[in-house]
Amino acid sequence: MTNHTDAATTPLRTVLRAAGRVGRGIRWYMTTLMGDTAYATYVAHHRREHPDEEPMTERQFWRQKMDDQDRNPGARCC
């Protein structure tokens, strides 16, 4: 006995899974582009490369990052 609802929801589930993957990819791209993951990336790098030193606090990190951007504006739009 075949269940018709399973056959109908399989393509829908496939589309929803794909949409979820696309949404997660867009979220990752935007948070990375906007710098939301910059501090976490810095801490991971610092712990890997300098395990015996404490990383900067998040406040210190952002202060230094903003100071560096003010000194070297590069191709910033603002």
PDB file of N, CA and C in Angstrom:
ATOM      1  N   MET A   1       0.845  -1.170   0.000  1.00  0.00           N
ATOM      2  CA  MET A   1       0.000   0.000   0.000  1.00  0.00           C
ATOM      3  C   MET A   1       0.901   1.248   0.000  1.00  0.00           C
ATOM      4  N   THR A   2       0.718   2.131  -0.947  1.00  0.00           N
ATOM      5  CA  THR A   2       1.528   3.333  -1.100  1.00  0.00           C
ATOM      6  C   THR A   2       0.856   4.502  -0.393  1.00  0.00           C
ATOM      7  N   ASN A   3       1.644   5.255   0.310  1.00  0.00           N
ATOM      8  CA  ASN A   3       1.130   6.444   0.998  1.00  0.00           C
ATOM      9  C   ASN A   3       1.360   7.646   0.087  1.00  0.00           C
ATOM     10  N   HIS A   4       0.306   8.254  -0.411  1.00  0.00           N
ATOM     11  CA  HIS A   4       0.421   9.355  -1.367  1.00  0.00           C
ATOM     12  C   HIS A   4       0.988  10.616  -0.726  1.00  0.00           C
ATOM     13  N   THR A   5       0.799  10.803   0.567  1.00  0.00           N
ATOM     14  CA  THR A   5       1.327  12.016   1.204  1.00  0.00           C
ATOM     15  C   THR A   5       2.844  11.995   1.259  1.00  0.00           C
ATOM     16  N   ASP A   6       3.466  10.819   1.439  1.00  0.00           N
ATOM     17  CA  ASP A   6       4.927  10.740   1.447  1.00  0.00           C
ATOM     18  C   ASP A   6       5.506  11.107   0.086  1.00  0.00           C
ATOM     19  N   ALA A   7       4.874  10.643  -0.971  1.00  0.00           N
ATOM     20  CA  ALA A   7       5.349  10.947  -2.319  1.00  0.00           C
ATOM     21  C   ALA A   7       5.234  12.438  -2.609  1.00  0.00           C
ATOM     22  N   ALA A   8       4.205  13.084  -2.094  1.00  0.00           N
ATOM     23  CA  ALA A   8       4.007  14.510  -2.351  1.00  0.00           C
ATOM     24  C   ALA A   8       4.948  15.372  -1.511  1.00  0.00           C
ATOM     25  N   THR A   9       5.292  14.925  -0.305  1.00  0.00           N
ATOM     26  CA  THR A   9       6.134  15.765   0.555  1.00  0.00           C
ATOM     27  C   THR A   9       7.617  15.598   0.276  1.00  0.00           C
ATOM     28  N   THR A  10       8.028  14.552  -0.368  1.00  0.00           N
ATOM     29  CA  THR A  10       9.445  14.350  -0.655  1.00  0.00           C
ATOM     30  C   THR A  10      10.029  15.484  -1.493  1.00  0.00           C
ATOM     31  N   PRO A  11       9.413  15.885  -2.606  1.00  0.00           N
ATOM     32  CA  PRO A  11       9.959  17.021  -3.345  1.00  0.00           C
ATOM     33  C   PRO A  11       9.930  18.310  -2.514  1.00  0.00           C
ATOM     34  N   LEU A  12       8.894  18.491  -1.721  1.00  0.00           N
ATOM     35  CA  LEU A  12       8.807  19.679  -0.875  1.00  0.00           C
ATOM     36  C   LEU A  12       9.933  19.688   0.149  1.00  0.00           C
ATOM     37  N   ARG A  13      10.182  18.540   0.766  1.00  0.00           N
ATOM     38  CA  ARG A  13      11.291  18.455   1.733  1.00  0.00           C
ATOM     39  C   ARG A  13      12.623  18.749   1.065  1.00  0.00           C
ATOM     40  N   THR A  14      12.810  18.248  -0.133  1.00  0.00           N
ATOM     41  CA  THR A  14      14.046  18.494  -0.875  1.00  0.00           C
ATOM     42  C   THR A  14      14.224  19.990  -1.131  1.00  0.00           C
ATOM     43  N   VAL A  15      13.158  20.644  -1.552  1.00  0.00           N
ATOM     44  CA  VAL A  15      13.212  22.088  -1.808  1.00  0.00           C
ATOM     45  C   VAL A  15      13.479  22.850  -0.505  1.00  0.00           C
ATOM     46  N   LEU A  16      12.819  22.453   0.567  1.00  0.00           N
ATOM     47  CA  LEU A  16      13.015  23.136   1.851  1.00  0.00           C
ATOM     48  C   LEU A  16      14.434  22.946   2.376  1.00  0.00           C
ATOM     49  N   ARG A  17      14.984  21.756   2.221  1.00  0.00           N
ATOM     50  CA  ARG A  17      16.383  21.530   2.637  1.00  0.00           C
ATOM     51  C   ARG A  17      17.338  22.400   1.822  1.00  0.00           C
ATOM     52  N   ALA A  18      17.109  22.455   0.522  1.00  0.00           N
ATOM     53  CA  ALA A  18      17.953  23.283  -0.340  1.00  0.00           C
ATOM     54  C   ALA A  18      17.824  24.754   0.038  1.00  0.00           C
ATOM     55  N   ALA A  19      16.601  25.198   0.303  1.00  0.00           N
ATOM     56  CA  ALA A  19      16.395  26.594   0.713  1.00  0.00           C
ATOM     57  C   ALA A  19      17.093  26.876   2.035  1.00  0.00           C
ATOM     58  N   GLY A  20      17.060  25.914   2.945  1.00  0.00           N
ATOM     59  CA  GLY A  20      17.758  26.071   4.221  1.00  0.00           C
ATOM     60  C   GLY A  20      19.258  26.207   4.027  1.00  0.00           C
ATOM     61  N   ARG A  21      19.818  25.378   3.145  1.00  0.00           N
ATOM     62  CA  ARG A  21      21.265  25.467   2.858  1.00  0.00           C
ATOM     63  C   ARG A  21      21.612  26.816   2.243  1.00  0.00           C
ATOM     64  N   VAL A  22      20.791  27.273   1.310  1.00  0.00           N
ATOM     65  CA  VAL A  22      21.025  28.572   0.676  1.00  0.00           C
ATOM     66  C   VAL A  22      20.938  29.684   1.727  1.00  0.00           C
ATOM     67  N   GLY A  23      19.932  29.616   2.581  1.00  0.00           N
ATOM     68  CA  GLY A  23      19.779  30.623   3.635  1.00  0.00           C
ATOM     69  C   GLY A  23      20.969  30.650   4.574  1.00  0.00           C
ATOM     70  N   ARG A  24      21.455  29.479   4.981  1.00  0.00           N
ATOM     71  CA  ARG A  24      22.631  29.427   5.855  1.00  0.00           C
ATOM     72  C   ARG A  24      23.866  29.967   5.151  1.00  0.00           C
ATOM     73  N   GLY A  25      23.985  29.675   3.860  1.00  0.00           N
ATOM     74  CA  GLY A  25      25.120  30.200   3.089  1.00  0.00           C
ATOM     75  C   GLY A  25      25.085  31.716   2.987  1.00  0.00           C
ATOM     76  N   ILE A  26      23.911  32.261   2.753  1.00  0.00           N
ATOM     77  CA  ILE A  26      23.762  33.721   2.670  1.00  0.00           C
ATOM     78  C   ILE A  26      24.069  34.348   4.022  1.00  0.00           C
ATOM     79  N   ARG A  27      23.550  33.746   5.096  1.00  0.00           N
ATOM     80  CA  ARG A  27      23.823  34.269   6.440  1.00  0.00           C
ATOM     81  C   ARG A  27      25.324  34.249   6.730  1.00  0.00           C
ATOM     82  N   TRP A  28      26.003  33.139   6.407  1.00  0.00           N
ATOM     83  CA  TRP A  28      27.450  33.048   6.620  1.00  0.00           C
ATOM     84  C   TRP A  28      28.165  34.142   5.838  1.00  0.00           C
ATOM     85  N   TYR A  29      27.807  34.309   4.569  1.00  0.00           N
ATOM     86  CA  TYR A  29      28.455  35.303   3.722  1.00  0.00           C
ATOM     87  C   TYR A  29      28.263  36.712   4.284  1.00  0.00           C
ATOM     88  N   MET A  30      27.040  37.044   4.662  1.00  0.00           N
ATOM     89  CA  MET A  30      26.757  38.390   5.158  1.00  0.00           C
ATOM     90  C   MET A  30      27.451  38.665   6.495  1.00  0.00           C
ATOM     91  N   THR A  31      27.438  37.699   7.406  1.00  0.00           N
ATOM     92  CA  THR A  31      28.098  37.936   8.692  1.00  0.00           C
ATOM     93  C   THR A  31      29.607  38.042   8.510  1.00  0.00           C
ATOM     94  N   THR A  32      30.150  37.285   7.582  1.00  0.00           N
ATOM     95  CA  THR A  32      31.581  37.376   7.304  1.00  0.00           C
ATOM     96  C   THR A  32      31.896  38.701   6.617  1.00  0.00           C
ATOM     97  N   LEU A  33      31.091  39.076   5.643  1.00  0.00           N
ATOM     98  CA  LEU A  33      31.296  40.323   4.916  1.00  0.00           C
ATOM     99  C   LEU A  33      31.218  41.533   5.841  1.00  0.00           C
ATOM    100  N   MET A  34      30.279  41.510   6.756  1.00  0.00           N
ATOM    101  CA  MET A  34      30.085  42.638   7.671  1.00  0.00           C
ATOM    102  C   MET A  34      31.070  42.624   8.835  1.00  0.00           C
ATOM    103  N   GLY A  35      31.846  41.559   8.972  1.00  0.00           N
ATOM    104  CA  GLY A  35      32.855  41.508  10.026  1.00  0.00           C
ATOM    105  C   GLY A  35      32.351  40.950  11.339  1.00  0.00           C
ATOM    106  N   ASP A  36      31.144  40.396  11.332  1.00  0.00           N
ATOM    107  CA  ASP A  36      30.579  39.878  12.579  1.00  0.00           C
ATOM    108  C   ASP A  36      31.401  38.736  13.169  1.00  0.00           C
ATOM    109  N   THR A  37      32.131  38.012  12.350  1.00  0.00           N
ATOM    110  CA  THR A  37      32.915  36.882  12.830  1.00  0.00           C
ATOM    111  C   THR A  37      34.388  37.235  13.020  1.00  0.00           C
ATOM    112  N   ALA A  38      34.738  38.500  12.855  1.00  0.00           N
ATOM    113  CA  ALA A  38      36.144  38.903  12.896  1.00  0.00           C
ATOM    114  C   ALA A  38      36.801  38.597  14.237  1.00  0.00           C
ATOM    115  N   TYR A  39      36.123  38.883  15.328  1.00  0.00           N
ATOM    116  CA  TYR A  39      36.734  38.646  16.636  1.00  0.00           C
ATOM    117  C   TYR A  39      36.915  37.152  16.885  1.00  0.00           C
ATOM    118  N   ALA A  40      35.923  36.352  16.578  1.00  0.00           N
ATOM    119  CA  ALA A  40      36.041  34.897  16.770  1.00  0.00           C
ATOM    120  C   ALA A  40      37.170  34.335  15.915  1.00  0.00           C
ATOM    121  N   THR A  41      37.317  34.839  14.700  1.00  0.00           N
ATOM    122  CA  THR A  41      38.399  34.412  13.818  1.00  0.00           C
ATOM    123  C   THR A  41      39.746  34.800  14.410  1.00  0.00           C
ATOM    124  N   TYR A  42      39.838  36.028  14.936  1.00  0.00           N
ATOM    125  CA  TYR A  42      41.066  36.497  15.573  1.00  0.00           C
ATOM    126  C   TYR A  42      41.439  35.618  16.768  1.00  0.00           C
ATOM    127  N   VAL A  43      40.460  35.329  17.636  1.00  0.00           N
ATOM    128  CA  VAL A  43      40.736  34.527  18.833  1.00  0.00           C
ATOM    129  C   VAL A  43      41.218  33.132  18.439  1.00  0.00           C
ATOM    130  N   ALA A  44      40.564  32.513  17.467  1.00  0.00           N
ATOM    131  CA  ALA A  44      40.974  31.180  17.021  1.00  0.00           C
ATOM    132  C   ALA A  44      42.402  31.206  16.482  1.00  0.00           C
ATOM    133  N   HIS A  45      42.707  32.215  15.673  1.00  0.00           N
ATOM    134  CA  HIS A  45      44.063  32.353  15.125  1.00  0.00           C
ATOM    135  C   HIS A  45      45.071  32.594  16.247  1.00  0.00           C
ATOM    136  N   HIS A  46      44.737  33.496  17.158  1.00  0.00           N
ATOM    137  CA  HIS A  46      45.659  33.844  18.244  1.00  0.00           C
ATOM    138  C   HIS A  46      45.954  32.631  19.121  1.00  0.00           C
ATOM    139  N   ARG A  47      44.936  31.870  19.454  1.00  0.00           N
ATOM    140  CA  ARG A  47      45.135  30.675  20.302  1.00  0.00           C
ATOM    141  C   ARG A  47      45.961  29.619  19.594  1.00  0.00           C
ATOM    142  N   ARG A  48      45.808  29.550  18.272  1.00  0.00           N
ATOM    143  CA  ARG A  48      46.575  28.571  17.487  1.00  0.00           C
ATOM    144  C   ARG A  48      48.035  28.996  17.359  1.00  0.00           C
ATOM    145  N   GLU A  49      48.267  30.289  17.093  1.00  0.00           N
ATOM    146  CA  GLU A  49      49.622  30.779  16.831  1.00  0.00           C
ATOM    147  C   GLU A  49      50.376  31.231  18.084  1.00  0.00           C
ATOM    148  N   HIS A  50      49.654  31.651  19.112  1.00  0.00           N
ATOM    149  CA  HIS A  50      50.273  32.170  20.343  1.00  0.00           C
ATOM    150  C   HIS A  50      49.578  31.569  21.563  1.00  0.00           C
ATOM    151  N   PRO A  51      49.668  30.261  21.741  1.00  0.00           N
ATOM    152  CA  PRO A  51      48.896  29.612  22.804  1.00  0.00           C
ATOM    153  C   PRO A  51      49.275  30.062  24.220  1.00  0.00           C
ATOM    154  N   ASP A  52      50.470  30.604  24.380  1.00  0.00           N
ATOM    155  CA  ASP A  52      50.924  31.016  25.705  1.00  0.00           C
ATOM    156  C   ASP A  52      50.552  32.464  26.034  1.00  0.00           C
ATOM    157  N   GLU A  53      49.913  33.179  25.120  1.00  0.00           N
ATOM    158  CA  GLU A  53      49.528  34.575  25.337  1.00  0.00           C
ATOM    159  C   GLU A  53      48.006  34.710  25.363  1.00  0.00           C
ATOM    160  N   GLU A  54      47.523  35.660  26.167  1.00  0.00           N
ATOM    161  CA  GLU A  54      46.088  35.959  26.196  1.00  0.00           C
ATOM    162  C   GLU A  54      45.731  36.819  24.985  1.00  0.00           C
ATOM    163  N   PRO A  55      44.645  36.502  24.296  1.00  0.00           N
ATOM    164  CA  PRO A  55      44.222  37.378  23.196  1.00  0.00           C
ATOM    165  C   PRO A  55      43.642  38.680  23.749  1.00  0.00           C
ATOM    166  N   MET A  56      43.552  39.680  22.895  1.00  0.00           N
ATOM    167  CA  MET A  56      42.921  40.937  23.290  1.00  0.00           C
ATOM    168  C   MET A  56      41.465  40.673  23.657  1.00  0.00           C
ATOM    169  N   THR A  57      40.923  41.539  24.481  1.00  0.00           N
ATOM    170  CA  THR A  57      39.492  41.460  24.743  1.00  0.00           C
ATOM    171  C   THR A  57      38.765  41.891  23.470  1.00  0.00           C
ATOM    172  N   GLU A  58      37.484  41.604  23.397  1.00  0.00           N
ATOM    173  CA  GLU A  58      36.732  41.990  22.205  1.00  0.00           C
ATOM    174  C   GLU A  58      36.733  43.511  22.040  1.00  0.00           C
ATOM    175  N   ARG A  59      36.626  44.226  23.136  1.00  0.00           N
ATOM    176  CA  ARG A  59      36.653  45.692  23.075  1.00  0.00           C
ATOM    177  C   ARG A  59      37.995  46.197  22.538  1.00  0.00           C
ATOM    178  N   GLN A  60      39.087  45.632  23.040  1.00  0.00           N
ATOM    179  CA  GLN A  60      40.416  46.021  22.550  1.00  0.00           C
ATOM    180  C   GLN A  60      40.565  45.692  21.069  1.00  0.00           C
ATOM    181  N   PHE A  61      40.070  44.518  20.671  1.00  0.00           N
ATOM    182  CA  PHE A  61      40.166  44.101  19.275  1.00  0.00           C
ATOM    183  C   PHE A  61      39.475  45.101  18.351  1.00  0.00           C
ATOM    184  N   TRP A  62      38.220  45.453  18.667  1.00  0.00           N
ATOM    185  CA  TRP A  62      37.477  46.362  17.801  1.00  0.00           C
ATOM    186  C   TRP A  62      38.092  47.759  17.811  1.00  0.00           C
ATOM    187  N   ARG A  63      38.595  48.190  18.951  1.00  0.00           N
ATOM    188  CA  ARG A  63      39.249  49.506  19.022  1.00  0.00           C
ATOM    189  C   ARG A  63      40.450  49.528  18.092  1.00  0.00           C
ATOM    190  N   GLN A  64      41.302  48.490  18.153  1.00  0.00           N
ATOM    191  CA  GLN A  64      42.475  48.416  17.297  1.00  0.00           C
ATOM    192  C   GLN A  64      42.067  48.323  15.832  1.00  0.00           C
ATOM    193  N   LYS A  65      41.052  47.537  15.541  1.00  0.00           N
ATOM    194  CA  LYS A  65      40.589  47.387  14.156  1.00  0.00           C
ATOM    195  C   LYS A  65      40.113  48.730  13.587  1.00  0.00           C
ATOM    196  N   MET A  66      39.353  49.476  14.370  1.00  0.00           N
ATOM    197  CA  MET A  66      38.876  50.787  13.913  1.00  0.00           C
ATOM    198  C   MET A  66      40.036  51.770  13.754  1.00  0.00           C
ATOM    199  N   ASP A  67      40.972  51.749  14.681  1.00  0.00           N
ATOM    200  CA  ASP A  67      42.148  52.613  14.572  1.00  0.00           C
ATOM    201  C   ASP A  67      42.951  52.284  13.316  1.00  0.00           C
ATOM    202  N   ASP A  68      43.136  50.975  13.048  1.00  0.00           N
ATOM    203  CA  ASP A  68      43.866  50.563  11.842  1.00  0.00           C
ATOM    204  C   ASP A  68      43.146  51.034  10.581  1.00  0.00           C
ATOM    205  N   GLN A  69      41.826  50.942  10.567  1.00  0.00           N
ATOM    206  CA  GLN A  69      41.073  51.389   9.390  1.00  0.00           C
ATOM    207  C   GLN A  69      41.139  52.892   9.219  1.00  0.00           C
ATOM    208  N   ASP A  70      41.177  53.638  10.326  1.00  0.00           N
ATOM    209  CA  ASP A  70      41.308  55.093  10.226  1.00  0.00           C
ATOM    210  C   ASP A  70      42.676  55.483   9.677  1.00  0.00           C
ATOM    211  N   ARG A  71      43.706  54.757  10.083  1.00  0.00           N
ATOM    212  CA  ARG A  71      45.071  55.060   9.598  1.00  0.00           C
ATOM    213  C   ARG A  71      45.253  54.628   8.143  1.00  0.00           C
ATOM    214  N   ASN A  72      44.597  53.546   7.737  1.00  0.00           N
ATOM    215  CA  ASN A  72      44.750  53.000   6.380  1.00  0.00           C
ATOM    216  C   ASN A  72      43.371  52.741   5.768  1.00  0.00           C
ATOM    217  N   PRO A  73      42.702  53.798   5.283  1.00  0.00           N
ATOM    218  CA  PRO A  73      41.326  53.631   4.812  1.00  0.00           C
ATOM    219  C   PRO A  73      41.180  52.719   3.598  1.00  0.00           C
ATOM    220  N   GLY A  74      42.160  52.604   2.759  1.00  0.00           N
ATOM    221  CA  GLY A  74      42.089  51.703   1.605  1.00  0.00           C
ATOM    222  C   GLY A  74      40.864  51.981   0.739  1.00  0.00           C
ATOM    223  N   ALA A  75      40.122  50.924   0.434  1.00  0.00           N
ATOM    224  CA  ALA A  75      38.983  51.037  -0.476  1.00  0.00           C
ATOM    225  C   ALA A  75      37.651  51.067   0.273  1.00  0.00           C
ATOM    226  N   ARG A  76      37.652  51.546   1.472  1.00  0.00           N
ATOM    227  CA  ARG A  76      36.386  51.622   2.225  1.00  0.00           C
ATOM    228  C   ARG A  76      35.440  52.611   1.558  1.00  0.00           C
ATOM    229  N   CYS A  77      34.175  52.359   1.705  1.00  0.00           N
ATOM    230  CA  CYS A  77      33.192  53.269   1.100  1.00  0.00           C
ATOM    231  C   CYS A  77      32.864  54.428   2.038  1.00  0.00           C
ATOM    232  N   CYS A  78      33.066  54.251   3.335  1.00  0.00           N
ATOM    233  CA  CYS A  78      32.648  55.279   4.285  1.00  0.00           C
ATOM    234  C   CYS A  78      33.786  55.708   5.207  1.00  0.00           C
TER     235      CYS A  78
END
